[in-house]
Amino acid sequence: MSQYLTMEVEQEGPAKIIPGDLESGDLFFANNIPYSHDVVCAAAEKLNVKSIFDFVVSEELQSEAEVTAFGKTLDDLEDEDDDFELTEEIEDKINLVYYRIGPWYTVDEGIETGRILLKYFLENPELTESQPGSGVIGDLEEFLTALEEVKKRGKRFRLDYSY
């Protein structure tokens, strides 16, 4: 099972999210941190900082956007109408709502967490070397790089956790 985190950037209109594309709403793609969830969360708790996973948007946000846009979830619309087809226009309408509702986090919050966790794991590499996703340090470095880009844009961010 594939797990990954992507960074979503606050914006006004619909976005086509393409991992790693700096022109889209997505700046960060991590597939190591999710596999080290327990280690990352334990380190954040020990260091008294937010975990990377505290920036993750809930799964319910997508359903909330669908209900706001259409009065029902897409699953409900599909159940009611056998001919229902998800079009780009429908996706754009949902995305317009999705990107306007929170939560969103400030870059400074993310940078504080990222720097503290990165320093900790650089000083204690043995904590993640045995994890399935042993590239936690690289993911944290990419997280910080992406946050610098978000800061240049004057935007806020959140993470999406897919599995």
Foldseek 3Di string as FASTA:
>chain_A
DFKKKWKFWQDQFFFDDDACDLVTRTHAIDRQCVLVVVLQCVLCVVVVADGLCVQADDPCLLQVLCCVQPVGGVVVVCVVDVPDDDDPVSNRSSRNSSSVDDDWAALVSLLVSLVSSLVVCVVVLVSQCPTPRSCPNVRSVSSNVSSVSSVVVVITMGMHMDD
